[in-house]
Amino acid sequence: MPNNDHLLNSHLLSTRFLPGCQPHTHRPILVFVHGFLGSTDDWCNVTDELTDYPRLLLDLPGHGLSAHVTCSGFEEASSLLGMAIQRALDEYQIDPVTPVCLIGYSLGARLLMYRLTMDHPETWCTNPILGLVIEGGNFGLQSHDERQQRLMADQVWARRFQNEKIAEVLADWYQQPVFSSLNHEQRQLLIVKRSVNLGNKLSAMLDSTSLGRQPYLLDKVQQLSFDSGHTPLFISGANDTKFTALARLSGLNHHVVPHAGHNVHKEHPKAFTSALLKYINTPN
């Protein structure tokens, strides 16, 4: 994969831009945002299927080539994401009429939902937004007690990432129910891959972006519509019963990928890509 990463200063997120094979068309630019523990590399099996489209990938604070970037909370994390998208569109000289499709997995999806619902897109992205694809993103918790319980649980994990060997923490992390579709070999591969991360950086990001710090976003996400005629799409794996149920109850446009768990784009990249292309080319 070509490496066009740029870090302009210590407060900016790393971006990777992959131009499409047909650079003079107005195909939408596809913006991919990974989840907790991930990096831009997580999307390679999907982006390799989308060479006709320009693709922009970002490393979140504390991750990948943005490991040096810190944030103090959910608002700042999502603001950094919005600024990085606009900076990249400017830096790579993307035509301002080129539409942008935002694709986020888990934490990445949560940050995109927050940014889109807290501020009008025109305030942080001069290009038109074509749509939003949510993969395994939680809309938030509705009660104060639920949010407090989740924050305390995440802070336990954060302390472990801060103080313990990262491989040992990850071995327990991937035993959580949301990862139940993984077999032993898949878990071990993830532990090895994610162990390159820095525990103290993960600790800070997990605390800052805990689901317990996120407002409940579903009502506002349901109201999102874009000039293209699209409304948000939720993609879930059939074996991910929790998020498939959340998506069905949400009333959003929903695509279920058979035989997939929480991380559809990793487990079944071709099926994920097919759903994404159908969404891009077929307004709701």
Protein backbone atom coordinates (compact mmCIF):
# COMPACT_ATOMS: atom_id res chain seq x y z
CA MET A 1 0.00 0.00 0.00
CA PRO A 2 1.44 3.41 -0.91
CA ASN A 3 2.44 5.39 2.12
CA ASN A 4 1.51 9.07 1.84
CA ASP A 5 1.35 9.72 5.57
CA HIS A 6 1.93 13.25 6.80
CA LEU A 7 2.31 14.63 10.29
CA LEU A 8 2.33 18.41 10.29
CA ASN A 9 2.71 18.90 14.03
CA SER A 10 2.17 17.13 17.31
CA HIS A 11 -1.50 18.10 17.52
CA LEU A 12 -2.61 16.73 14.16
CA LEU A 13 -3.73 13.24 13.31
CA SER A 14 -1.86 11.17 10.77
CA THR A 15 -3.65 10.65 7.46
CA ARG A 16 -3.05 8.37 4.52
CA PHE A 17 -4.46 9.25 1.12
CA LEU A 18 -4.88 6.73 -1.70
CA PRO A 19 -5.92 8.36 -4.98
CA GLY A 20 -8.39 6.56 -7.18
CA CYS A 21 -7.45 5.06 -10.53
CA GLN A 22 -9.71 7.62 -12.22
CA PRO A 23 -8.58 10.86 -10.54
CA HIS A 24 -10.54 13.26 -12.74
CA THR A 25 -13.97 11.84 -12.03
CA HIS A 26 -16.19 13.03 -9.21
CA ARG A 27 -16.43 9.70 -7.45
CA PRO A 28 -16.84 10.29 -3.71
CA ILE A 29 -13.83 10.23 -1.46
CA LEU A 30 -14.19 7.44 1.09
CA VAL A 31 -13.01 8.34 4.60
CA PHE A 32 -12.22 5.40 6.89
CA VAL A 33 -11.87 5.67 10.68
CA HIS A 34 -10.72 2.64 12.69
CA GLY A 35 -11.76 1.50 16.15
CA PHE A 36 -10.01 1.31 19.52
CA LEU A 37 -6.66 -0.53 19.26
CA GLY A 38 -6.68 -0.19 15.47
CA SER A 39 -4.90 1.80 12.76
CA THR A 40 -5.27 2.70 9.11
CA ASP A 41 -3.86 -0.72 8.20
CA ASP A 42 -7.05 -2.34 9.49
CA TRP A 43 -8.88 -1.23 6.35
CA CYS A 44 -6.40 -2.51 3.75
CA ASN A 45 -8.50 -5.50 2.65
CA VAL A 46 -11.40 -3.13 1.98
CA THR A 47 -9.48 -0.26 0.41
CA ASP A 48 -7.69 -2.68 -1.91
CA GLU A 49 -11.12 -3.51 -3.36
CA LEU A 50 -11.93 0.16 -3.95
CA THR A 51 -9.13 1.36 -6.21
CA ASP A 52 -11.56 3.28 -8.44
CA TYR A 53 -12.28 5.59 -5.52
CA PRO A 54 -10.07 8.09 -3.68
CA ARG A 55 -9.64 6.87 -0.08
CA LEU A 56 -8.61 8.75 3.03
CA LEU A 57 -7.63 6.88 6.19
CA LEU A 58 -6.92 8.40 9.60
CA ASP A 59 -5.16 7.21 12.73
CA LEU A 60 -7.05 8.20 15.89
CA PRO A 61 -5.26 9.82 18.87
CA GLY A 62 -3.01 7.36 20.68
CA HIS A 63 -3.03 4.93 17.74
CA GLY A 64 -0.76 4.10 14.81
CA LEU A 65 1.14 7.13 13.53
CA SER A 66 -1.01 9.36 15.75
CA ALA A 67 0.27 7.65 18.91
CA HIS A 68 1.86 10.95 20.01
CA VAL A 69 -1.49 12.81 19.86
CA THR A 70 -3.51 13.05 23.06
CA CYS A 71 -7.02 14.31 23.75
CA SER A 72 -8.77 15.36 26.93
CA GLY A 73 -12.23 14.04 26.16
CA PHE A 74 -14.82 12.96 23.65
CA GLU A 75 -15.39 16.45 22.27
CA GLU A 76 -11.70 17.03 21.62
CA ALA A 77 -11.24 13.60 20.02
CA SER A 78 -14.07 14.20 17.58
CA SER A 79 -12.88 17.75 16.89
CA LEU A 80 -9.40 16.46 16.04
CA LEU A 81 -11.02 13.99 13.67
CA GLY A 82 -13.04 16.69 11.94
CA MET A 83 -10.01 18.96 11.61
CA ALA A 84 -7.92 16.11 10.21
CA ILE A 85 -10.51 15.36 7.53
CA GLN A 86 -10.66 18.99 6.39
CA ARG A 87 -6.87 19.40 6.52
CA ALA A 88 -6.42 16.30 4.38
CA LEU A 89 -8.99 17.47 1.83
CA ASP A 90 -7.05 20.73 1.55
CA GLU A 91 -3.60 19.17 1.60
CA TYR A 92 -4.39 16.59 -1.07
CA GLN A 93 -6.22 19.25 -3.13
CA ILE A 94 -9.52 17.42 -3.28
CA ASP A 95 -12.00 19.27 -5.48
CA PRO A 96 -14.47 21.01 -3.12
CA VAL A 97 -17.42 19.58 -5.06
CA THR A 98 -16.24 16.00 -4.47
CA PRO A 99 -18.63 14.35 -2.00
CA VAL A 100 -17.32 12.63 1.12
CA CYS A 101 -18.61 9.32 2.49
CA LEU A 102 -17.68 8.73 6.14
CA ILE A 103 -17.10 5.13 7.25
CA GLY A 104 -16.37 4.32 10.88
CA TYR A 105 -15.86 1.15 12.87
CA SER A 106 -16.73 0.95 16.59
CA LEU A 107 -14.98 3.92 18.26
CA GLY A 108 -14.45 5.50 14.84
CA ALA A 109 -18.18 5.27 14.15
CA ARG A 110 -19.00 6.79 17.54
CA LEU A 111 -16.73 9.77 16.92
CA LEU A 112 -18.17 10.34 13.44
CA MET A 113 -21.74 10.17 14.76
CA TYR A 114 -20.85 12.67 17.46
CA ARG A 115 -19.16 15.08 15.04
CA LEU A 116 -22.05 14.96 12.56
CA THR A 117 -24.74 15.47 15.19
CA MET A 118 -23.03 18.05 17.39
CA ASP A 119 -21.99 20.45 14.62
CA HIS A 120 -23.39 21.06 11.16
CA PRO A 121 -20.98 19.37 8.70
CA GLU A 122 -20.35 22.65 6.89
CA THR A 123 -18.57 23.97 9.99
CA TRP A 124 -15.81 21.35 9.74
CA CYS A 125 -15.97 19.93 6.19
CA THR A 126 -16.29 22.18 3.16
CA ASN A 127 -17.00 19.25 0.84
CA PRO A 128 -20.56 17.89 0.71
CA ILE A 129 -21.21 14.82 2.87
CA LEU A 130 -22.62 11.97 0.80
CA GLY A 131 -23.37 9.63 3.69
CA LEU A 132 -22.35 7.87 6.89
CA VAL A 133 -21.64 4.16 7.33
CA ILE A 134 -21.72 2.93 10.93
CA GLU A 135 -20.08 -0.45 11.59
CA GLY A 136 -20.57 -1.71 15.13
CA GLY A 137 -20.93 1.79 16.56
CA ASN A 138 -22.79 2.28 19.85
CA PHE A 139 -25.30 5.15 19.96
CA GLY A 140 -24.63 5.65 23.66
CA LEU A 141 -26.26 4.86 26.99
CA GLN A 142 -29.52 6.52 27.95
CA SER A 143 -29.29 6.76 31.73
CA HIS A 144 -26.79 8.51 33.99
CA ASP A 145 -26.34 5.32 36.04
CA GLU A 146 -25.52 3.28 32.94
CA ARG A 147 -22.97 5.84 31.83
CA GLN A 148 -21.34 5.93 35.26
CA GLN A 149 -21.11 2.14 35.42
CA ARG A 150 -19.56 2.00 31.97
CA LEU A 151 -17.09 4.76 32.77
CA MET A 152 -15.94 2.93 35.90
CA ALA A 153 -15.55 -0.31 33.93
CA ASP A 154 -13.55 1.44 31.20
CA GLN A 155 -11.34 3.10 33.81
CA VAL A 156 -10.49 -0.34 35.19
CA TRP A 157 -9.34 -1.34 31.70
CA ALA A 158 -7.51 1.98 31.33
CA ARG A 159 -5.54 1.34 34.53
CA ARG A 160 -4.64 -2.12 33.28
CA PHE A 161 -3.39 -0.76 29.95
CA GLN A 162 -1.37 1.81 31.90
CA ASN A 163 0.20 -0.56 34.42
CA GLU A 164 0.32 -4.10 33.00
CA LYS A 165 2.00 -5.82 30.08
CA ILE A 166 -0.09 -5.04 27.05
CA ALA A 167 -0.20 -8.62 25.75
CA GLU A 168 -1.66 -9.82 29.06
CA VAL A 169 -4.34 -7.11 29.01
CA LEU A 170 -5.23 -7.85 25.40
CA ALA A 171 -5.60 -11.56 26.17
CA ASP A 172 -8.40 -10.61 28.56
CA TRP A 173 -9.75 -7.80 26.36
CA TYR A 174 -10.52 -10.18 23.52
CA GLN A 175 -12.44 -12.49 25.84
CA GLN A 176 -15.24 -9.91 26.08
CA PRO A 177 -18.63 -11.04 24.69
CA VAL A 178 -18.47 -8.65 21.73
CA PHE A 179 -15.52 -10.68 20.40
CA SER A 180 -17.16 -14.08 20.94
CA SER A 181 -17.11 -14.87 17.20
CA LEU A 182 -13.30 -15.01 17.23
CA ASN A 183 -11.61 -18.39 17.46
CA HIS A 184 -8.41 -18.99 19.42
CA GLU A 185 -6.12 -18.45 16.44
CA GLN A 186 -7.83 -15.18 15.51
CA ARG A 187 -7.53 -13.94 19.09
CA GLN A 188 -3.83 -14.76 19.21
CA LEU A 189 -3.17 -12.98 15.93
CA LEU A 190 -4.97 -9.88 17.20
CA ILE A 191 -3.02 -9.92 20.46
CA VAL A 192 0.27 -10.00 18.54
CA LYS A 193 -0.85 -7.28 16.11
CA ARG A 194 -2.23 -4.94 18.78
CA SER A 195 0.71 -5.40 21.15
CA VAL A 196 2.69 -2.84 19.13
CA ASN A 197 0.50 -0.14 20.69
CA LEU A 198 1.69 1.80 23.73
CA GLY A 199 -0.26 0.96 26.86
CA ASN A 200 -0.17 4.46 28.33
CA LYS A 201 -1.51 5.99 25.10
CA LEU A 202 -4.32 3.44 24.90
CA SER A 203 -5.13 4.04 28.55
CA ALA A 204 -5.58 7.77 28.00
CA MET A 205 -7.67 7.33 24.85
CA LEU A 206 -9.93 4.70 26.42
CA ASP A 207 -10.66 6.94 29.39
CA SER A 208 -11.19 10.03 27.21
CA THR A 209 -13.58 8.33 24.78
CA SER A 210 -15.36 5.94 27.13
CA LEU A 211 -18.94 5.17 26.18
CA GLY A 212 -19.70 6.56 29.63
CA ARG A 213 -18.58 10.01 28.43
CA GLN A 214 -20.60 9.90 25.20
CA PRO A 215 -24.09 11.40 25.05
CA TYR A 216 -26.93 9.31 23.68
CA LEU A 217 -26.88 10.02 19.94
CA LEU A 218 -29.57 7.88 18.34
CA ASP A 219 -32.29 10.54 18.22
CA LYS A 220 -29.97 12.90 16.36
CA VAL A 221 -28.50 10.18 14.12
CA GLN A 222 -32.04 9.25 13.05
CA GLN A 223 -32.51 12.83 11.87
CA LEU A 224 -29.38 12.88 9.71
CA SER A 225 -29.99 13.19 5.99
CA PHE A 226 -27.63 14.33 3.29
CA ASP A 227 -28.08 16.29 0.09
CA SER A 228 -27.28 13.14 -1.87
CA GLY A 229 -30.52 11.58 -0.64
CA HIS A 230 -28.69 9.19 1.67
CA THR A 231 -29.40 8.56 5.32
CA PRO A 232 -26.98 6.67 7.62
CA LEU A 233 -26.34 2.96 7.02
CA PHE A 234 -25.59 0.55 9.87
CA ILE A 235 -23.60 -2.58 8.97
CA SER A 236 -23.46 -5.45 11.45
CA GLY A 237 -22.47 -9.10 11.44
CA ALA A 238 -25.19 -11.69 11.93
CA ASN A 239 -23.15 -13.32 14.71
CA ASP A 240 -22.86 -9.99 16.55
CA THR A 241 -26.23 -10.30 18.23
CA LYS A 242 -25.83 -7.21 20.43
CA PHE A 243 -25.15 -4.72 17.64
CA THR A 244 -27.50 -6.37 15.17
CA ALA A 245 -30.27 -5.90 17.74
CA LEU A 246 -29.21 -2.28 18.36
CA ALA A 247 -29.30 -1.58 14.64
CA ARG A 248 -32.70 -3.19 14.12
CA LEU A 249 -34.21 -1.24 16.99
CA SER A 250 -32.67 2.00 15.73
CA GLY A 251 -34.85 2.24 12.65
CA LEU A 252 -31.81 3.10 10.52
CA ASN A 253 -31.05 1.63 7.14
CA HIS A 254 -29.42 -1.67 8.15
CA HIS A 255 -27.37 -4.31 6.33
CA VAL A 256 -26.57 -7.63 8.03
CA VAL A 257 -23.58 -9.66 6.79
CA PRO A 258 -24.08 -13.42 7.29
CA HIS A 259 -21.48 -15.43 9.23
CA ALA A 260 -19.74 -12.26 10.47
CA GLY A 261 -19.10 -11.02 13.98
CA HIS A 262 -18.42 -7.53 15.33
CA ASN A 263 -15.61 -6.63 12.90
CA VAL A 264 -17.28 -7.22 9.55
CA HIS A 265 -14.70 -5.39 7.43
CA LYS A 266 -11.94 -7.61 8.81
CA GLU A 267 -13.79 -10.93 8.76
CA HIS A 268 -15.60 -10.47 5.43
CA PRO A 269 -14.02 -7.56 3.52
CA LYS A 270 -15.64 -8.40 0.18
CA ALA A 271 -19.12 -8.51 1.71
CA PHE A 272 -18.44 -5.25 3.53
CA THR A 273 -17.18 -3.62 0.33
CA SER A 274 -20.22 -4.82 -1.60
CA ALA A 275 -22.58 -3.31 0.99
CA LEU A 276 -20.59 -0.06 0.95
CA LEU A 277 -20.68 0.25 -2.85
CA LYS A 278 -24.40 -0.46 -2.95
CA TYR A 279 -24.96 2.26 -0.36
CA ILE A 280 -22.81 4.81 -2.20
CA ASN A 281 -24.50 4.20 -5.54
CA THR A 282 -28.09 3.80 -4.35
CA PRO A 283 -29.65 6.66 -2.37
CA ASN A 284 -32.19 5.56 0.25
